[in-house]
Protein backbone atom coordinates (compact mmCIF):
# COMPACT_ATOMS: atom_id res chain seq x y z
CA UNK A 1 35.96 -47.53 23.98
CA UNK A 2 38.89 -49.75 22.99
CA UNK A 3 38.78 -52.89 21.44
CA UNK A 4 40.93 -55.51 19.37
CA UNK A 5 39.62 -57.20 16.35
CA UNK A 6 40.69 -57.62 12.83
CA UNK A 7 39.70 -55.51 10.17
CA UNK A 8 38.00 -57.18 7.52
CA UNK A 9 36.86 -55.74 3.98
CA UNK A 10 32.69 -57.75 2.58
CA UNK A 11 35.66 -60.26 1.35
CA UNK A 12 34.69 -61.68 4.43
CA UNK A 13 31.28 -61.72 5.44
CA UNK A 14 30.09 -64.99 4.00
CA UNK A 15 26.42 -63.96 2.93
CA UNK A 16 24.60 -66.48 1.14
CA UNK A 17 25.31 -66.83 -2.58
CA UNK A 18 26.61 -63.57 -2.59
CA UNK A 19 29.49 -62.84 -4.13
CA UNK A 20 32.29 -61.72 -2.78
CA UNK A 21 35.43 -60.06 -4.61
CA UNK A 22 37.49 -57.31 -3.33
CA UNK A 23 38.46 -55.87 -7.32
CA UNK A 24 34.59 -54.94 -6.68
CA UNK A 25 34.98 -52.46 -4.40
CA UNK A 26 33.59 -52.83 -1.33
CA UNK A 27 33.71 -50.50 2.91
CA UNK A 28 35.73 -52.00 5.40
CA UNK A 29 34.48 -53.00 9.25
CA UNK A 30 36.22 -54.43 12.62
CA UNK A 31 35.27 -57.89 13.53
CA UNK A 32 35.85 -57.55 17.34
CA UNK A 33 37.47 -60.15 19.38
CA UNK A 34 34.00 -61.74 21.14
CA UNK A 35 32.41 -61.87 17.37
CA UNK A 36 30.90 -58.83 16.84
CA UNK A 37 30.63 -56.90 13.51
CA UNK A 38 31.07 -53.16 13.34
CA UNK A 39 31.08 -50.78 10.62
CA UNK A 40 33.14 -47.15 10.65
CA UNK A 41 31.97 -43.74 10.54
CA UNK A 42 33.65 -41.81 8.07
CA UNK A 43 35.25 -38.95 9.75
CA UNK A 44 39.14 -39.80 10.09
CA UNK A 45 40.37 -41.16 10.98
CA UNK A 46 38.33 -44.23 10.28
CA UNK A 47 37.60 -43.56 6.67
CA UNK A 48 39.93 -44.36 5.03
CA UNK A 49 39.57 -47.93 6.72
CA UNK A 50 36.19 -47.19 6.08
CA UNK A 51 37.69 -46.80 2.34
CA UNK A 52 38.81 -50.34 2.26
CA UNK A 53 42.72 -48.29 1.81
CA UNK A 54 45.18 -49.74 3.92
CA UNK A 55 45.85 -53.74 4.82
CA UNK A 56 43.12 -56.77 4.52
CA UNK A 57 42.54 -59.12 7.75
CA UNK A 58 44.64 -57.70 9.99
CA UNK A 59 44.64 -58.05 13.95
CA UNK A 60 43.22 -54.01 15.32
CA UNK A 61 43.17 -51.97 17.60
CA UNK A 62 40.61 -49.25 18.19
CA UNK A 63 40.20 -46.47 20.05
CA UNK A 64 36.30 -44.82 18.86
CA UNK A 65 33.02 -43.65 20.68
CA UNK A 66 29.81 -46.46 19.91
CA UNK A 67 27.56 -45.47 18.70
CA UNK A 68 24.01 -46.36 17.96
CA UNK A 69 23.73 -49.61 15.41
CA UNK A 70 27.17 -51.11 16.11
CA UNK A 71 28.55 -47.69 14.44
CA UNK A 72 32.42 -47.18 15.47
CA UNK A 73 33.43 -42.87 15.47
CA UNK A 74 37.00 -43.21 15.39
CA UNK A 75 40.02 -41.53 17.17
CA UNK A 76 42.77 -43.42 17.59
CA UNK A 77 42.87 -47.32 14.84
CA UNK A 78 46.52 -49.28 14.37
CA UNK A 79 46.34 -52.12 12.25
CA UNK A 80 49.35 -54.14 13.27
CA UNK A 81 50.34 -56.12 9.44
CA UNK A 82 52.36 -58.53 9.89
């Protein structure tokens, strides 16, 4: 499947009163254009994005196999840096 959305980190999630800071270490996910959150599996080429390497809060296109629990087995990830 192919998804378009924004590559985000935990800092972009508003969860009650939990503090967020990119300096604390965090994991990344894709917030798709349909509003759903998808998680990258720790396999290449998605591993580096899962670990938070690369740009934050940038538009992205992902080609992946969708697994239960909204997990993505990434085949290709294209981050569109501005």
